[in-house]
Amino acid sequence: MKYKIIPGLLLIILLSIIGALTIRDRLFATELEKGSYKVDSFESLPNKEITLLEAYDIGMDIAKEYDKNSELIFMNSVNDGKINGSDGKKGNWQGYITLPNKRLSIIFVIEKGKLKSYDVIDSDEQLPIKDEDIKVDSNEVVKKAISEFKLEPGNDNFLNGYHFRLIRDEKNVFLGVGGQKTGKRAEIYFNPKNGEYLGGIEKK
């Protein structure tokens, strides 16, 4: 099946500010301050792979400790060098959440299925992804991407296995499934509310 191209979709959001922040050994501070926080329990928890919705819940749990009205801006799986993801699960994730009542944002980092750290930064004006917009999980859409669109796992230094993203433009929220088709990187987009196919892109 051929798929349509979505024009104007923002595909890359830079997170280079993460490495520039100072690490502090505390979690759930009474007064939230800008900086980086590492999670002491990270080393003691078992390693695992998790779905997109499980990663979303982990990120939102930490954000809502500070602001009950926290909302996601974007989230994506992170490459770990493994050819995995065919079951919708990845070990590494990252995401960006806005804390509107604090006028701050949190960038969270999940590794091996566990919250490893999070960075508190200034907030900016971006359209959020509402909780009610996210009802379909990565294990559901990856099946469609494979069976209906013949998406194959990526196998290069940048993209290994299948990858997943929650992003949006001014009108729509997209759940992307990344991989490759005929040896070229490709991404198929679905509506995260109902799983409906929205389009796709293929690198030339």
N, C-alpha and C. Protein backbone atom coordinates (compact mmCIF):
# COMPACT_ATOMS: atom_id res chain seq x y z
N MET A 1 0.84 -1.20 0.00
CA MET A 1 0.00 0.00 0.00
C MET A 1 0.87 1.25 0.00
N LYS A 2 0.57 2.19 -0.86
CA LYS A 2 1.30 3.45 -0.89
C LYS A 2 0.79 4.36 0.21
N TYR A 3 1.67 5.23 0.69
CA TYR A 3 1.22 6.15 1.71
C TYR A 3 1.54 7.57 1.31
N LYS A 4 0.76 8.50 1.84
CA LYS A 4 0.89 9.90 1.49
C LYS A 4 1.99 10.56 2.31
N ILE A 5 2.52 11.64 1.78
CA ILE A 5 3.56 12.39 2.47
C ILE A 5 2.93 13.52 3.26
N ILE A 6 3.37 13.69 4.48
CA ILE A 6 2.85 14.77 5.32
C ILE A 6 3.79 15.96 5.21
N PRO A 7 3.38 17.07 4.63
CA PRO A 7 4.24 18.24 4.51
C PRO A 7 4.31 19.01 5.82
N GLY A 8 5.45 19.62 6.08
CA GLY A 8 5.57 20.55 7.19
C GLY A 8 5.63 19.93 8.57
N LEU A 9 5.79 18.62 8.65
CA LEU A 9 5.83 17.98 9.96
C LEU A 9 7.22 18.12 10.56
N LEU A 10 7.29 18.61 11.78
CA LEU A 10 8.57 18.77 12.45
C LEU A 10 9.10 17.41 12.86
N LEU A 11 10.26 17.01 12.30
CA LEU A 11 10.77 15.66 12.52
C LEU A 11 11.89 15.59 13.55
N ILE A 12 12.61 16.70 13.76
CA ILE A 12 13.77 16.65 14.64
C ILE A 12 13.66 17.73 15.70
N ILE A 13 13.72 17.37 16.96
CA ILE A 13 13.74 18.35 18.05
C ILE A 13 15.02 18.13 18.84
N LEU A 14 15.84 19.16 18.93
CA LEU A 14 17.16 19.02 19.54
C LEU A 14 17.09 19.04 21.05
N LEU A 15 17.89 18.18 21.68
CA LEU A 15 17.96 18.11 23.13
C LEU A 15 19.39 18.35 23.63
N SER A 16 20.15 19.15 22.93
CA SER A 16 21.56 19.31 23.27
C SER A 16 21.78 19.99 24.60
N ILE A 17 20.74 20.66 25.13
CA ILE A 17 20.91 21.37 26.40
C ILE A 17 21.05 20.42 27.58
N ILE A 18 20.69 19.16 27.37
CA ILE A 18 20.73 18.23 28.50
C ILE A 18 22.13 18.13 29.11
N GLY A 19 23.12 17.97 28.24
CA GLY A 19 24.47 17.76 28.74
C GLY A 19 25.08 18.96 29.39
N ALA A 20 24.50 20.14 29.22
CA ALA A 20 25.08 21.37 29.76
C ALA A 20 24.64 21.67 31.17
N LEU A 21 23.71 20.88 31.72
CA LEU A 21 23.17 21.18 33.03
C LEU A 21 23.92 20.42 34.13
N THR A 22 23.87 20.95 35.35
CA THR A 22 24.58 20.37 36.49
C THR A 22 23.75 19.27 37.13
N ILE A 23 24.39 18.13 37.44
CA ILE A 23 23.70 17.01 38.07
C ILE A 23 23.62 17.22 39.57
N ARG A 24 22.41 16.99 40.14
CA ARG A 24 22.23 17.05 41.58
C ARG A 24 21.66 15.74 42.06
N ASP A 25 22.10 15.28 43.22
CA ASP A 25 21.68 13.99 43.75
C ASP A 25 20.42 14.11 44.59
N ARG A 26 19.30 14.45 43.95
CA ARG A 26 18.06 14.51 44.69
C ARG A 26 16.89 14.30 43.75
N LEU A 27 15.79 13.89 44.33
CA LEU A 27 14.59 13.59 43.56
C LEU A 27 13.40 14.16 44.33
N PHE A 28 12.41 14.72 43.60
CA PHE A 28 11.22 15.30 44.21
C PHE A 28 11.60 16.42 45.20
N ALA A 29 12.32 17.41 44.72
CA ALA A 29 12.70 18.54 45.57
C ALA A 29 11.46 19.29 46.02
N THR A 30 11.51 19.87 47.23
CA THR A 30 10.37 20.63 47.75
C THR A 30 10.10 21.84 46.88
N GLU A 31 11.14 22.60 46.57
CA GLU A 31 11.03 23.73 45.66
C GLU A 31 11.78 23.37 44.39
N LEU A 32 11.07 23.33 43.28
CA LEU A 32 11.68 22.91 42.03
C LEU A 32 12.60 24.00 41.51
N GLU A 33 13.84 23.64 41.22
CA GLU A 33 14.82 24.57 40.69
C GLU A 33 15.35 24.04 39.37
N LYS A 34 15.79 24.96 38.52
CA LYS A 34 16.38 24.54 37.25
C LYS A 34 17.68 23.79 37.52
N GLY A 35 17.92 22.75 36.74
CA GLY A 35 19.12 21.93 36.90
C GLY A 35 18.83 20.50 36.52
N SER A 36 19.76 19.60 36.80
CA SER A 36 19.60 18.18 36.48
C SER A 36 19.54 17.35 37.74
N TYR A 37 18.70 16.34 37.71
CA TYR A 37 18.47 15.50 38.87
C TYR A 37 18.60 14.04 38.45
N LYS A 38 19.39 13.27 39.17
CA LYS A 38 19.50 11.85 38.86
C LYS A 38 18.72 11.05 39.90
N VAL A 39 18.28 9.87 39.51
CA VAL A 39 17.40 9.05 40.33
C VAL A 39 18.23 7.98 41.03
N ASP A 40 18.23 8.00 42.34
CA ASP A 40 19.07 7.08 43.11
C ASP A 40 18.67 5.62 42.91
N SER A 41 17.38 5.36 42.67
CA SER A 41 16.91 3.97 42.56
C SER A 41 17.22 3.36 41.20
N PHE A 42 17.79 4.13 40.27
CA PHE A 42 18.02 3.63 38.92
C PHE A 42 18.86 2.36 38.92
N GLU A 43 19.94 2.33 39.67
CA GLU A 43 20.85 1.19 39.64
C GLU A 43 20.25 -0.06 40.28
N SER A 44 19.33 0.11 41.22
CA SER A 44 18.81 -1.05 41.96
C SER A 44 17.60 -1.69 41.29
N LEU A 45 16.94 -1.00 40.38
CA LEU A 45 15.77 -1.56 39.72
C LEU A 45 16.16 -2.50 38.58
N PRO A 46 15.34 -3.50 38.29
CA PRO A 46 15.67 -4.44 37.20
C PRO A 46 15.55 -3.80 35.83
N ASN A 47 16.39 -4.24 34.90
CA ASN A 47 16.34 -3.76 33.53
C ASN A 47 15.15 -4.38 32.80
N LYS A 48 14.54 -3.61 31.88
CA LYS A 48 13.43 -4.13 31.10
C LYS A 48 13.19 -3.24 29.89
N GLU A 49 12.36 -3.70 28.98
CA GLU A 49 11.90 -2.89 27.86
C GLU A 49 10.44 -2.57 28.07
N ILE A 50 10.01 -1.37 27.68
CA ILE A 50 8.66 -0.91 27.96
C ILE A 50 8.04 -0.29 26.71
N THR A 51 6.72 -0.19 26.72
CA THR A 51 6.00 0.42 25.60
C THR A 51 5.98 1.93 25.73
N LEU A 52 5.49 2.58 24.69
CA LEU A 52 5.40 4.04 24.69
C LEU A 52 4.51 4.54 25.82
N LEU A 53 3.36 3.94 26.05
CA LEU A 53 2.48 4.41 27.11
C LEU A 53 3.09 4.17 28.49
N GLU A 54 3.85 3.12 28.65
CA GLU A 54 4.52 2.89 29.93
C GLU A 54 5.59 3.96 30.16
N ALA A 55 6.31 4.33 29.11
CA ALA A 55 7.31 5.39 29.23
C ALA A 55 6.64 6.73 29.51
N TYR A 56 5.52 6.97 28.86
CA TYR A 56 4.75 8.20 29.09
C TYR A 56 4.33 8.30 30.55
N ASP A 57 3.85 7.23 31.12
CA ASP A 57 3.42 7.24 32.52
C ASP A 57 4.59 7.53 33.46
N ILE A 58 5.76 6.98 33.16
CA ILE A 58 6.93 7.24 34.00
C ILE A 58 7.28 8.72 33.97
N GLY A 59 7.31 9.32 32.78
CA GLY A 59 7.63 10.74 32.67
C GLY A 59 6.60 11.62 33.34
N MET A 60 5.31 11.30 33.14
CA MET A 60 4.26 12.12 33.73
C MET A 60 4.22 11.99 35.25
N ASP A 61 4.58 10.84 35.78
CA ASP A 61 4.58 10.66 37.23
C ASP A 61 5.54 11.64 37.89
N ILE A 62 6.73 11.78 37.34
CA ILE A 62 7.69 12.71 37.94
C ILE A 62 7.24 14.15 37.74
N ALA A 63 6.71 14.48 36.57
CA ALA A 63 6.27 15.85 36.31
C ALA A 63 5.12 16.26 37.23
N LYS A 64 4.19 15.35 37.44
CA LYS A 64 3.01 15.68 38.25
C LYS A 64 3.30 15.74 39.74
N GLU A 65 4.47 15.30 40.15
CA GLU A 65 4.89 15.53 41.53
C GLU A 65 5.05 17.04 41.78
N TYR A 66 5.34 17.77 40.71
CA TYR A 66 5.57 19.21 40.81
C TYR A 66 4.39 20.03 40.31
N ASP A 67 3.66 19.52 39.33
CA ASP A 67 2.56 20.27 38.73
C ASP A 67 1.52 19.28 38.21
N LYS A 68 0.36 19.26 38.84
CA LYS A 68 -0.70 18.32 38.47
C LYS A 68 -1.23 18.57 37.06
N ASN A 69 -0.97 19.75 36.52
CA ASN A 69 -1.45 20.09 35.18
C ASN A 69 -0.39 19.90 34.09
N SER A 70 0.64 19.13 34.39
CA SER A 70 1.71 18.89 33.43
C SER A 70 1.18 18.24 32.16
N GLU A 71 1.78 18.62 31.01
CA GLU A 71 1.37 18.06 29.72
C GLU A 71 2.60 17.77 28.86
N LEU A 72 2.50 16.70 28.10
CA LEU A 72 3.60 16.29 27.23
C LEU A 72 3.72 17.21 26.02
N ILE A 73 4.96 17.51 25.63
CA ILE A 73 5.23 18.23 24.39
C ILE A 73 5.66 17.25 23.30
N PHE A 74 6.57 16.35 23.60
CA PHE A 74 6.93 15.27 22.68
C PHE A 74 7.63 14.17 23.45
N MET A 75 7.74 13.01 22.83
CA MET A 75 8.43 11.87 23.43
C MET A 75 8.90 10.95 22.32
N ASN A 76 10.03 10.29 22.52
CA ASN A 76 10.53 9.34 21.52
C ASN A 76 11.41 8.28 22.15
N SER A 77 11.48 7.13 21.50
CA SER A 77 12.43 6.11 21.92
C SER A 77 13.82 6.53 21.47
N VAL A 78 14.83 5.97 22.13
CA VAL A 78 16.23 6.34 21.88
C VAL A 78 17.00 5.09 21.48
N ASN A 79 17.85 5.22 20.50
CA ASN A 79 18.58 4.06 19.98
C ASN A 79 19.49 3.44 21.04
N ASP A 80 19.46 2.12 21.12
CA ASP A 80 20.34 1.41 22.05
C ASP A 80 21.23 0.39 21.33
N GLY A 81 21.21 0.43 19.98
CA GLY A 81 22.05 -0.46 19.21
C GLY A 81 21.49 -1.85 18.99
N LYS A 82 20.28 -2.11 19.53
CA LYS A 82 19.68 -3.44 19.41
C LYS A 82 18.61 -3.44 18.32
N ILE A 83 18.51 -4.57 17.62
CA ILE A 83 17.45 -4.73 16.63
C ILE A 83 16.20 -5.23 17.36
N ASN A 84 15.47 -4.28 17.93
CA ASN A 84 14.30 -4.65 18.72
C ASN A 84 13.14 -3.71 18.41
N GLY A 85 12.07 -3.81 19.17
CA GLY A 85 10.92 -2.93 18.98
C GLY A 85 9.78 -3.55 18.21
N SER A 86 9.93 -4.76 17.69
CA SER A 86 8.84 -5.38 16.93
C SER A 86 7.63 -5.68 17.81
N ASP A 87 7.83 -5.71 19.13
CA ASP A 87 6.72 -5.90 20.07
C ASP A 87 6.26 -4.56 20.66
N GLY A 88 6.77 -3.45 20.12
CA GLY A 88 6.39 -2.13 20.61
C GLY A 88 7.15 -1.68 21.83
N LYS A 89 8.16 -2.44 22.24
CA LYS A 89 8.89 -2.12 23.46
C LYS A 89 10.34 -1.71 23.16
N LYS A 90 10.81 -0.71 23.89
CA LYS A 90 12.20 -0.26 23.83
C LYS A 90 12.67 0.00 25.26
N GLY A 91 13.96 -0.10 25.46
CA GLY A 91 14.50 0.16 26.79
C GLY A 91 14.72 1.63 27.07
N ASN A 92 15.08 2.39 26.03
CA ASN A 92 15.48 3.79 26.22
C ASN A 92 14.46 4.75 25.60
N TRP A 93 14.11 5.78 26.38
CA TRP A 93 13.15 6.78 25.95
C TRP A 93 13.56 8.15 26.48
N GLN A 94 13.05 9.19 25.87
CA GLN A 94 13.20 10.54 26.41
C GLN A 94 11.97 11.36 26.04
N GLY A 95 11.70 12.39 26.82
CA GLY A 95 10.53 13.20 26.54
C GLY A 95 10.63 14.58 27.15
N TYR A 96 9.76 15.45 26.71
CA TYR A 96 9.73 16.84 27.11
C TYR A 96 8.32 17.15 27.61
N ILE A 97 8.20 17.59 28.87
CA ILE A 97 6.92 17.86 29.50
C ILE A 97 6.90 19.29 30.02
N THR A 98 5.82 20.00 29.78
CA THR A 98 5.68 21.36 30.28
C THR A 98 4.95 21.36 31.63
N LEU A 99 5.40 22.23 32.53
CA LEU A 99 4.78 22.43 33.84
C LEU A 99 4.21 23.84 33.86
N PRO A 100 2.99 24.04 33.36
CA PRO A 100 2.48 25.39 33.16
C PRO A 100 2.35 26.22 34.43
N ASN A 101 2.02 25.59 35.55
CA ASN A 101 1.87 26.34 36.79
C ASN A 101 3.21 26.80 37.36
N LYS A 102 4.29 26.12 36.96
CA LYS A 102 5.63 26.48 37.43
C LYS A 102 6.39 27.33 36.40
N ARG A 103 5.83 27.39 35.18
CA ARG A 103 6.51 28.07 34.07
C ARG A 103 7.88 27.47 33.83
N LEU A 104 7.93 26.14 33.95
CA LEU A 104 9.15 25.37 33.72
C LEU A 104 8.79 24.16 32.87
N SER A 105 9.82 23.43 32.44
CA SER A 105 9.64 22.18 31.70
C SER A 105 10.59 21.13 32.25
N ILE A 106 10.25 19.88 32.00
CA ILE A 106 11.10 18.76 32.39
C ILE A 106 11.45 17.93 31.17
N ILE A 107 12.72 17.62 31.01
CA ILE A 107 13.16 16.65 30.01
C ILE A 107 13.57 15.40 30.78
N PHE A 108 12.87 14.30 30.54
CA PHE A 108 13.15 13.08 31.29
C PHE A 108 13.89 12.07 30.43
N VAL A 109 14.72 11.26 31.08
CA VAL A 109 15.54 10.25 30.41
C VAL A 109 15.26 8.90 31.04
N ILE A 110 14.83 7.95 30.22
CA ILE A 110 14.60 6.58 30.65
C ILE A 110 15.63 5.68 29.98
N GLU A 111 16.32 4.88 30.76
CA GLU A 111 17.25 3.90 30.21
C GLU A 111 16.95 2.54 30.82
N LYS A 112 16.95 1.52 29.97
CA LYS A 112 16.70 0.14 30.40
C LYS A 112 15.36 0.03 31.12
N GLY A 113 14.39 0.84 30.67
CA GLY A 113 13.05 0.77 31.22
C GLY A 113 12.85 1.47 32.55
N LYS A 114 13.84 2.29 32.98
CA LYS A 114 13.77 2.95 34.28
C LYS A 114 14.10 4.43 34.13
N LEU A 115 13.47 5.27 34.95
CA LEU A 115 13.80 6.68 34.96
C LEU A 115 15.22 6.86 35.50
N LYS A 116 16.09 7.42 34.68
CA LYS A 116 17.48 7.62 35.08
C LYS A 116 17.74 9.02 35.59
N SER A 117 17.19 10.02 34.91
CA SER A 117 17.42 11.41 35.30
C SER A 117 16.38 12.30 34.64
N TYR A 118 16.32 13.53 35.10
CA TYR A 118 15.47 14.52 34.45
C TYR A 118 16.09 15.91 34.62
N ASP A 119 15.85 16.76 33.64
CA ASP A 119 16.39 18.11 33.63
C ASP A 119 15.25 19.12 33.71
N VAL A 120 15.39 20.09 34.58
CA VAL A 120 14.40 21.15 34.72
C VAL A 120 14.94 22.40 34.02
N ILE A 121 14.17 22.90 33.05
CA ILE A 121 14.61 24.03 32.24
C ILE A 121 13.48 25.05 32.13
N ASP A 122 13.79 26.19 31.57
CA ASP A 122 12.76 27.19 31.31
C ASP A 122 11.73 26.64 30.33
N SER A 123 10.50 27.07 30.50
CA SER A 123 9.44 26.64 29.60
C SER A 123 9.43 27.50 28.35
N ASP A 124 8.84 26.99 27.27
CA ASP A 124 8.65 27.77 26.06
C ASP A 124 7.25 27.49 25.52
N GLU A 125 6.85 28.27 24.55
CA GLU A 125 5.50 28.16 24.03
C GLU A 125 5.43 27.10 22.93
N GLN A 126 4.97 25.93 23.28
CA GLN A 126 4.74 24.87 22.31
C GLN A 126 3.40 24.22 22.60
N LEU A 127 2.74 23.75 21.57
CA LEU A 127 1.44 23.11 21.75
C LEU A 127 1.60 21.77 22.46
N PRO A 128 0.85 21.52 23.51
CA PRO A 128 0.99 20.26 24.24
C PRO A 128 0.19 19.13 23.61
N ILE A 129 0.55 17.92 24.00
CA ILE A 129 -0.20 16.72 23.65
C ILE A 129 -1.01 16.33 24.89
N LYS A 130 -2.32 16.37 24.76
CA LYS A 130 -3.20 16.12 25.90
C LYS A 130 -3.24 14.63 26.24
N ASP A 131 -3.52 14.35 27.51
CA ASP A 131 -3.61 12.97 27.95
C ASP A 131 -4.69 12.21 27.18
N GLU A 132 -5.79 12.88 26.88
CA GLU A 132 -6.88 12.21 26.16
C GLU A 132 -6.55 11.93 24.70
N ASP A 133 -5.44 12.52 24.20
CA ASP A 133 -5.00 12.26 22.82
C ASP A 133 -4.22 10.96 22.68
N ILE A 134 -3.87 10.33 23.81
CA ILE A 134 -2.97 9.17 23.77
C ILE A 134 -3.69 7.95 24.32
N LYS A 135 -4.30 7.19 23.44
CA LYS A 135 -5.05 6.01 23.84
C LYS A 135 -4.51 4.72 23.22
N VAL A 136 -3.71 4.85 22.17
CA VAL A 136 -3.19 3.68 21.45
C VAL A 136 -1.71 3.53 21.78
N ASP A 137 -1.27 2.31 22.05
CA ASP A 137 0.11 2.08 22.45
C ASP A 137 0.97 1.63 21.28
N SER A 138 2.28 1.67 21.49
CA SER A 138 3.24 1.34 20.44
C SER A 138 3.15 -0.12 19.99
N ASN A 139 2.77 -1.03 20.89
CA ASN A 139 2.66 -2.44 20.50
C ASN A 139 1.52 -2.68 19.52
N GLU A 140 0.53 -1.77 19.48
CA GLU A 140 -0.58 -1.90 18.55
C GLU A 140 -0.20 -1.36 17.16
N VAL A 141 0.40 -0.17 17.12
CA VAL A 141 0.68 0.45 15.83
C VAL A 141 1.84 -0.21 15.10
N VAL A 142 2.80 -0.78 15.83
CA VAL A 142 3.92 -1.41 15.14
C VAL A 142 3.44 -2.63 14.35
N LYS A 143 2.41 -3.31 14.85
CA LYS A 143 1.85 -4.44 14.11
C LYS A 143 1.27 -3.99 12.78
N LYS A 144 0.57 -2.84 12.79
CA LYS A 144 0.01 -2.30 11.55
C LYS A 144 1.11 -1.87 10.60
N ALA A 145 2.14 -1.22 11.13
CA ALA A 145 3.24 -0.74 10.29
C ALA A 145 3.94 -1.90 9.58
N ILE A 146 4.06 -3.02 10.27
CA ILE A 146 4.73 -4.19 9.69
C ILE A 146 3.82 -4.92 8.70
N SER A 147 2.58 -5.19 9.11
CA SER A 147 1.69 -6.01 8.29
C SER A 147 1.11 -5.23 7.10
N GLU A 148 0.72 -3.98 7.31
CA GLU A 148 0.04 -3.23 6.26
C GLU A 148 0.99 -2.42 5.37
N PHE A 149 2.14 -2.00 5.92
CA PHE A 149 3.04 -1.12 5.16
C PHE A 149 4.42 -1.72 4.96
N LYS A 150 4.59 -2.98 5.39
CA LYS A 150 5.84 -3.73 5.18
C LYS A 150 7.06 -3.00 5.75
N LEU A 151 6.86 -2.30 6.85
CA LEU A 151 7.98 -1.62 7.49
C LEU A 151 8.91 -2.65 8.12
N GLU A 152 10.20 -2.50 7.86
CA GLU A 152 11.21 -3.41 8.39
C GLU A 152 12.02 -2.70 9.47
N PRO A 153 12.70 -3.45 10.34
CA PRO A 153 13.51 -2.81 11.38
C PRO A 153 14.71 -2.10 10.78
N GLY A 154 15.03 -0.94 11.33
CA GLY A 154 16.23 -0.24 10.91
C GLY A 154 17.47 -1.01 11.32
N ASN A 155 18.55 -0.81 10.59
CA ASN A 155 19.78 -1.55 10.88
C ASN A 155 20.98 -0.73 10.46
N ASP A 156 21.16 0.43 11.12
CA ASP A 156 22.34 1.25 10.87
C ASP A 156 22.75 1.93 12.16
N ASN A 157 23.76 2.78 12.12
CA ASN A 157 24.28 3.41 13.33
C ASN A 157 23.30 4.38 13.97
N PHE A 158 22.36 4.89 13.18
CA PHE A 158 21.42 5.88 13.68
C PHE A 158 20.12 5.25 14.15
N LEU A 159 19.67 4.24 13.49
CA LEU A 159 18.36 3.66 13.76
C LEU A 159 18.44 2.14 13.74
N ASN A 160 18.33 1.53 14.90
CA ASN A 160 18.32 0.08 15.01
C ASN A 160 16.95 -0.39 15.47
N GLY A 161 16.40 -1.35 14.79
CA GLY A 161 15.08 -1.86 15.15
C GLY A 161 13.98 -0.88 14.78
N TYR A 162 12.86 -0.99 15.48
CA TYR A 162 11.74 -0.07 15.28
C TYR A 162 11.78 1.01 16.37
N HIS A 163 11.43 2.23 15.98
CA HIS A 163 11.41 3.33 16.94
C HIS A 163 10.07 4.02 16.93
N PHE A 164 9.79 4.76 18.02
CA PHE A 164 8.47 5.34 18.23
C PHE A 164 8.58 6.78 18.70
N ARG A 165 7.62 7.60 18.22
CA ARG A 165 7.61 9.01 18.62
C ARG A 165 6.18 9.50 18.79
N LEU A 166 5.99 10.38 19.76
CA LEU A 166 4.76 11.16 19.89
C LEU A 166 5.12 12.61 19.61
N ILE A 167 4.59 13.18 18.55
CA ILE A 167 4.86 14.56 18.15
C ILE A 167 3.57 15.18 17.66
N ARG A 168 3.61 16.49 17.41
CA ARG A 168 2.42 17.13 16.88
C ARG A 168 2.80 18.34 16.05
N ASP A 169 1.87 18.75 15.18
CA ASP A 169 1.99 20.02 14.50
C ASP A 169 0.84 20.90 15.00
N GLU A 170 0.47 21.92 14.26
CA GLU A 170 -0.57 22.84 14.73
C GLU A 170 -1.95 22.21 14.77
N LYS A 171 -2.15 21.13 14.01
CA LYS A 171 -3.48 20.53 13.92
C LYS A 171 -3.57 19.12 14.49
N ASN A 172 -2.53 18.33 14.31
CA ASN A 172 -2.64 16.90 14.59
C ASN A 172 -1.55 16.40 15.54
N VAL A 173 -1.88 15.31 16.23
CA VAL A 173 -0.91 14.58 17.04
C VAL A 173 -0.58 13.29 16.29
N PHE A 174 0.70 12.94 16.24
CA PHE A 174 1.14 11.78 15.47
C PHE A 174 1.88 10.79 16.37
N LEU A 175 1.59 9.52 16.18
CA LEU A 175 2.39 8.45 16.78
C LEU A 175 3.17 7.83 15.63
N GLY A 176 4.47 8.08 15.60
CA GLY A 176 5.30 7.61 14.51
C GLY A 176 5.97 6.29 14.82
N VAL A 177 6.02 5.42 13.82
CA VAL A 177 6.76 4.16 13.91
C VAL A 177 7.87 4.21 12.88
N GLY A 178 9.12 4.23 13.32
CA GLY A 178 10.26 4.34 12.42
C GLY A 178 10.92 3.01 12.15
N GLY A 179 11.44 2.86 10.95
CA GLY A 179 12.15 1.66 10.54
C GLY A 179 12.73 1.89 9.17
N GLN A 180 12.61 0.92 8.28
CA GLN A 180 13.08 1.11 6.92
C GLN A 180 12.22 0.34 5.92
N LYS A 181 12.21 0.85 4.69
CA LYS A 181 11.53 0.19 3.58
C LYS A 181 12.51 0.15 2.42
N THR A 182 12.69 -1.03 1.86
CA THR A 182 13.63 -1.25 0.75
C THR A 182 14.99 -0.63 1.04
N GLY A 183 15.44 -0.77 2.29
CA GLY A 183 16.76 -0.29 2.67
C GLY A 183 16.85 1.19 2.98
N LYS A 184 15.75 1.92 2.92
CA LYS A 184 15.74 3.35 3.20
C LYS A 184 14.95 3.63 4.48
N ARG A 185 15.40 4.60 5.25
CA ARG A 185 14.68 4.96 6.47
C ARG A 185 13.28 5.44 6.14
N ALA A 186 12.33 5.01 6.95
CA ALA A 186 10.93 5.37 6.73
C ALA A 186 10.24 5.50 8.08
N GLU A 187 9.15 6.25 8.08
CA GLU A 187 8.34 6.41 9.30
C GLU A 187 6.87 6.46 8.90
N ILE A 188 6.07 5.66 9.61
CA ILE A 188 4.63 5.59 9.38
C ILE A 188 3.93 6.28 10.55
N TYR A 189 2.92 7.10 10.25
CA TYR A 189 2.24 7.88 11.28
C TYR A 189 0.82 7.40 11.50
N PHE A 190 0.44 7.32 12.78
CA PHE A 190 -0.89 6.92 13.17
C PHE A 190 -1.46 7.94 14.15
N ASN A 191 -2.78 7.98 14.24
CA ASN A 191 -3.46 8.80 15.24
C ASN A 191 -3.38 8.09 16.58
N PRO A 192 -2.74 8.67 17.60
CA PRO A 192 -2.59 7.98 18.87
C PRO A 192 -3.88 7.85 19.67
N LYS A 193 -4.95 8.50 19.19
CA LYS A 193 -6.24 8.39 19.88
C LYS A 193 -7.01 7.16 19.43
N ASN A 194 -6.91 6.80 18.13
CA ASN A 194 -7.71 5.69 17.63
C ASN A 194 -6.94 4.72 16.72
N GLY A 195 -5.65 4.97 16.48
CA GLY A 195 -4.86 4.08 15.65
C GLY A 195 -5.02 4.27 14.16
N GLU A 196 -5.76 5.29 13.74
CA GLU A 196 -6.00 5.53 12.32
C GLU A 196 -4.71 5.94 11.61
N TYR A 197 -4.50 5.42 10.42
CA TYR A 197 -3.34 5.75 9.60
C TYR A 197 -3.41 7.21 9.14
N LEU A 198 -2.29 7.94 9.30
CA LEU A 198 -2.25 9.36 8.94
C LEU A 198 -1.28 9.69 7.81
N GLY A 199 -0.39 8.79 7.46
CA GLY A 199 0.56 9.07 6.38
C GLY A 199 1.94 8.54 6.71
N GLY A 200 2.93 8.98 5.96
CA GLY A 200 4.28 8.50 6.20
C GLY A 200 5.30 9.22 5.35
N ILE A 201 6.56 9.00 5.65
CA ILE A 201 7.66 9.57 4.90
C ILE A 201 8.71 8.50 4.63
N GLU A 202 9.47 8.67 3.59
CA GLU A 202 10.55 7.75 3.27
C GLU A 202 11.75 8.57 2.79
N LYS A 203 12.90 8.32 3.40
CA LYS A 203 14.10 9.06 3.01
C LYS A 203 14.57 8.61 1.64
N LYS A 204 14.85 9.58 0.78
CA LYS A 204 15.30 9.24 -0.58
C LYS A 204 16.79 9.01 -0.62
